[in-house]
Protein backbone atom coordinates (compact mmCIF):
# COMPACT_ATOMS: atom_id res chain seq x y z
CA MET A 1 127.01 87.95 263.95
CA ALA A 2 123.35 86.60 264.83
CA GLU A 3 120.75 87.23 262.48
CA LYS A 4 117.72 89.51 263.59
CA ALA A 5 115.30 86.64 263.73
CA CYS A 6 117.73 84.75 265.81
CA VAL A 7 118.26 87.57 268.25
CA LYS A 8 114.42 88.35 268.29
CA ARG A 9 113.59 84.54 268.93
CA LEU A 10 115.96 84.11 272.00
CA GLN A 11 114.88 87.48 273.26
CA LYS A 12 111.37 86.22 273.17
CA GLU A 13 112.34 82.85 274.67
CA TYR A 14 114.30 84.63 277.78
CA ARG A 15 111.13 86.52 278.50
CA ALA A 16 109.10 83.27 278.40
CA LEU A 17 111.71 81.54 280.41
CA CYS A 18 111.77 84.25 283.08
CA LYS A 19 107.88 84.05 283.42
CA GLU A 20 107.83 80.14 283.51
CA PRO A 21 111.06 78.67 284.47
CA VAL A 22 111.79 75.12 284.12
CA SER A 23 111.90 73.00 287.25
CA ASN A 24 115.22 72.64 288.61
CA VAL A 25 116.79 74.58 285.95
CA VAL A 26 118.11 78.23 285.85
CA ALA A 27 119.35 79.53 282.48
CA ARG A 28 120.80 83.23 281.35
CA PRO A 29 122.49 84.54 278.21
CA LEU A 30 125.49 86.44 278.54
CA PRO A 31 125.03 90.18 278.79
CA ASN A 32 126.98 91.02 275.82
CA ASP A 33 126.34 87.90 273.62
CA ILE A 34 122.62 86.60 273.19
CA LEU A 35 124.10 83.47 271.10
CA GLU A 36 125.69 81.96 274.46
CA TRP A 37 123.59 80.96 277.41
CA HIS A 38 124.68 79.61 280.75
CA TYR A 39 122.65 77.19 282.69
CA VAL A 40 122.56 75.56 286.11
CA LEU A 41 120.56 72.12 286.57
CA GLU A 42 119.81 71.03 290.09
CA GLY A 43 119.88 67.32 290.64
CA SER A 44 116.53 65.71 291.27
CA GLU A 45 115.65 64.07 294.59
CA GLY A 46 115.59 60.36 294.35
CA THR A 47 118.72 60.28 291.88
CA PRO A 48 122.50 59.98 292.48
CA PHE A 49 122.75 63.84 291.61
CA ALA A 50 120.30 65.05 294.08
CA GLY A 51 121.90 68.38 296.27
CA GLY A 52 124.13 68.69 293.05
CA TYR A 53 124.40 72.12 290.93
CA TYR A 54 125.42 71.41 287.52
CA TYR A 55 126.81 74.31 285.36
CA GLY A 56 127.25 74.33 281.53
CA LYS A 57 126.81 76.18 278.27
CA ILE A 58 124.35 76.30 275.52
CA LYS A 59 126.01 78.07 272.28
CA PHE A 60 123.27 78.93 269.59
CA PRO A 61 124.19 79.51 266.02
CA PRO A 62 123.32 82.55 264.17
CA GLU A 63 120.88 80.67 262.08
CA TYR A 64 118.81 79.53 265.05
CA PRO A 65 115.98 78.20 265.30
CA PHE A 66 116.66 76.77 261.94
CA LYS A 67 119.95 75.08 263.22
CA PRO A 68 120.33 73.43 266.63
CA PRO A 69 122.63 74.56 269.53
CA GLY A 70 125.83 73.07 270.78
CA ILE A 71 125.53 72.06 274.57
CA SER A 72 128.40 70.98 277.03
CA MET A 73 128.86 70.88 280.94
CA THR A 74 131.52 72.48 283.11
CA THR A 75 130.88 70.96 286.52
CA PRO A 76 132.30 67.41 286.98
CA ASN A 77 129.12 65.42 287.38
CA GLY A 78 129.87 61.70 286.65
CA ARG A 79 127.33 61.61 283.92
CA PHE A 80 128.93 63.79 280.94
CA MET A 81 132.41 64.74 280.15
CA THR A 82 133.29 68.41 281.13
CA GLN A 83 133.92 70.82 278.40
CA LYS A 84 132.74 68.32 275.63
CA LYS A 85 129.71 68.62 273.39
CA ILE A 86 126.85 66.40 274.44
CA CYS A 87 125.14 64.35 272.06
CA LEU A 88 121.49 64.81 272.07
CA SER A 89 118.71 64.83 269.54
CA MET A 90 118.13 68.53 270.24
CA SER A 91 121.88 69.27 269.87
CA ASP A 92 124.07 70.04 266.91
CA PHE A 93 125.26 66.63 267.01
CA HIS A 94 121.88 65.58 265.24
CA PRO A 95 120.99 68.49 262.95
CA GLU A 96 118.69 65.90 260.93
CA SER A 97 116.56 65.45 264.01
CA TRP A 98 116.33 69.10 265.07
CA ASN A 99 112.98 70.68 265.13
CA PRO A 100 112.60 74.36 264.79
CA MET A 101 109.45 74.44 266.80
CA TRP A 102 111.56 73.26 269.95
CA SER A 103 112.94 76.17 272.49
CA VAL A 104 115.34 76.87 274.86
CA SER A 105 113.00 75.61 277.41
CA SER A 106 112.55 72.47 275.58
CA ILE A 107 116.23 72.08 275.34
CA LEU A 108 116.79 72.33 279.02
CA THR A 109 114.09 70.25 280.03
CA GLY A 110 115.37 67.47 277.62
CA LEU A 111 119.04 68.05 279.06
CA LEU A 112 117.86 67.61 282.68
CA SER A 113 116.02 64.29 281.81
CA PHE A 114 118.72 62.83 279.96
CA MET A 115 121.11 63.69 282.59
CA MET A 116 119.02 61.67 285.19
CA ASP A 117 118.96 58.70 282.71
CA THR A 118 121.79 56.09 282.22
CA SER A 119 121.91 55.68 278.40
CA PRO A 120 125.38 56.14 277.24
CA THR A 121 125.82 58.68 274.42
CA THR A 122 128.86 60.54 272.82
CA GLY A 123 130.27 62.66 275.45
CA SER A 124 128.85 60.33 278.55
CA VAL A 125 130.74 58.49 281.13
CA THR A 126 130.19 55.67 283.41
CA THR A 127 130.86 56.41 287.42
CA THR A 128 129.60 54.79 290.46
CA VAL A 129 126.47 55.99 292.45
CA GLU A 130 129.18 57.01 295.14
CA GLU A 131 131.25 58.85 292.93
CA LYS A 132 128.33 60.88 291.76
CA HIS A 133 127.21 61.58 295.35
CA ARG A 134 130.78 62.96 295.94
CA LEU A 135 130.65 65.11 292.87
CA ALA A 136 127.08 66.48 293.81
CA LYS A 137 128.42 67.44 297.22
CA ALA A 138 131.38 69.28 295.76
CA SER A 139 129.66 70.91 292.84
CA LEU A 140 128.63 74.16 294.41
CA ALA A 141 132.07 74.90 295.61
CA PHE A 142 133.54 74.17 292.34
CA ASN A 143 131.19 76.37 290.55
CA CYS A 144 131.87 79.48 292.82
CA LYS A 145 135.56 79.52 291.66
CA ASN A 146 134.28 80.34 287.93
CA ALA A 147 133.92 84.01 287.58
CA THR A 148 131.18 83.83 285.10
CA PHE A 149 129.10 81.53 286.98
CA ARG A 150 129.49 84.12 290.26
CA LYS A 151 128.62 86.92 287.84
CA LEU A 152 125.47 85.16 286.31
CA PHE A 153 124.28 83.28 289.28
CA PRO A 154 124.68 85.45 292.45
CA GLU A 155 122.08 83.53 294.07
CA TYR A 156 124.07 80.33 294.21
CA VAL A 157 127.04 82.19 295.42
CA GLU A 158 124.76 83.43 298.32
CA LYS A 159 123.60 80.00 298.78
CA TYR A 160 127.01 78.62 299.04
CA GLU A 161 128.12 81.38 301.60
CA GLN A 162 125.27 80.57 303.80
CA GLN A 163 126.23 76.53 303.72
CA GLN A 164 129.75 77.74 304.78
CA LEU A 165 128.52 79.87 307.84
CA PRO A 166 127.95 77.19 310.03
CA LYS A 167 131.41 75.65 309.62
CA GLN A 168 132.84 79.10 309.88
CA LEU A 169 131.27 79.47 313.30
CA VAL A 170 132.48 76.06 314.41
CA GLN A 171 135.93 77.05 313.38
CA GLU A 172 135.60 80.33 315.27
CA GLN A 173 134.49 78.61 318.58
CA ASP A 174 137.28 76.09 318.37
CA VAL A 175 139.51 78.68 318.06
CA SER A 176 138.10 80.50 321.04
CA LEU A 177 138.05 77.61 323.20
CA LEU A 178 141.74 76.71 322.41
CA THR A 179 142.64 80.60 323.04
CA GLN A 180 141.10 80.37 326.46
CA ARG A 181 142.52 77.01 327.41
CA THR A 182 146.12 78.05 326.48
CA GLY A 183 145.78 81.96 327.35
CA SER A 184 147.54 82.72 324.30
CA LYS A 185 146.78 83.64 320.63
CA PRO A 186 146.21 80.74 318.21
CA LEU A 187 148.98 79.87 316.15
CA LEU A 188 149.14 80.60 312.36
CA ASN A 189 150.25 77.99 310.30
CA GLY A 190 151.59 76.04 313.46
CA ASN A 191 154.31 78.34 313.97
CA PRO A 192 154.72 80.22 317.13
CA THR A 193 154.37 83.97 317.19
CA VAL A 194 157.25 86.32 318.33
CA GLU A 195 155.51 87.07 321.58
CA GLU A 196 154.98 83.55 322.36
CA THR A 197 158.83 82.74 321.79
CA ASN A 198 159.62 85.75 324.14
CA ALA A 199 157.07 84.21 326.79
CA VAL A 200 158.74 80.84 326.57
CA GLU A 201 162.17 82.28 326.64
CA ALA A 202 161.37 84.76 329.44
CA PRO A 203 161.33 82.25 332.37
CA ASN A 204 164.53 80.65 331.40
CA GLY A 205 166.38 83.90 331.18
CA MET A 206 165.24 85.00 334.55
CA ARG A 207 166.40 81.86 336.02
CA ASN A 208 169.71 82.33 334.41
CA GLN A 209 169.63 85.88 335.90
CA ARG A 210 168.95 84.43 339.42
CA ARG A 211 171.93 82.05 339.07
CA GLN A 212 174.26 84.90 338.15
CA SER A 213 173.39 87.41 340.59
CA PHE A 214 173.80 85.29 343.87
CA PRO A 215 174.02 87.82 346.77
CA THR A 216 177.32 89.11 347.60
CA TRP A 217 176.73 89.52 351.45
CA VAL A 218 175.99 85.48 351.70
CA VAL A 219 179.60 85.26 350.14
CA VAL A 220 180.88 87.45 352.80
CA LEU A 221 179.30 85.81 355.33
CA LEU A 222 180.69 82.29 354.43
CA VAL A 223 184.11 83.37 354.35
CA SER A 224 183.77 85.14 357.73
CA ILE A 225 182.58 81.74 359.30
CA PHE A 226 185.29 79.87 357.63
CA ALA A 227 187.92 82.15 358.65
CA ALA A 228 186.54 82.09 362.38
CA VAL A 229 186.49 78.05 362.34
CA MET A 230 189.96 78.29 360.98
CA ALA A 231 191.42 80.47 363.83
CA LEU A 232 189.80 78.55 366.95
CA PRO A 233 193.02 76.14 367.25
CA LEU A 234 195.20 79.21 367.15
CA LEU A 235 193.23 81.05 370.07
CA GLN A 236 193.48 77.92 372.40
CA LEU A 237 197.14 77.83 372.12
């Protein structure tokens, strides 16, 4: 249970953060737990993280601001391990260096700055620039699979859906062109539909019927001609 001083302090800091947001950072507490905040860091331009959206958590102790919070990251990023506490001077890894005057804004600013750095620390990893670029491109899609992320940050979910619209339109156009060319419905999972199977089998069935239903009068005519030819020698006698 959080102490009253802690709750008041965090509520005050949230209001201040709403009025003066930290650049490239969005942070919000859980609706039912003021001690657990979730954040999104946007990768800065000119860095390997540009275009990435990095989601994580800050867990404050009930004694905050007299004790530091724990910080972790959920999104694969190429800089920090996921689901592991990050070692910062503003985190509970270094309670001896914690300053009660620091705020949530200070923590978020320090975290973003440290992420863009390359200094190794507990909880950090070493990856190539190419790997960081790849993870940055995949970050928003990864985040949107998380139910809590979707609930707390609907604006990023909307951004992701808007990014998918052009791809969906291209897919729909491709399907439409394929349908026009083939004159049939697109296949589902590469398997023909019942209608398509019947449509293929129908011509074969019709050809078989035509072979079986050879006209009777043609047979009678052929037999009569054959009989007449055989009777000619008899008539000459």
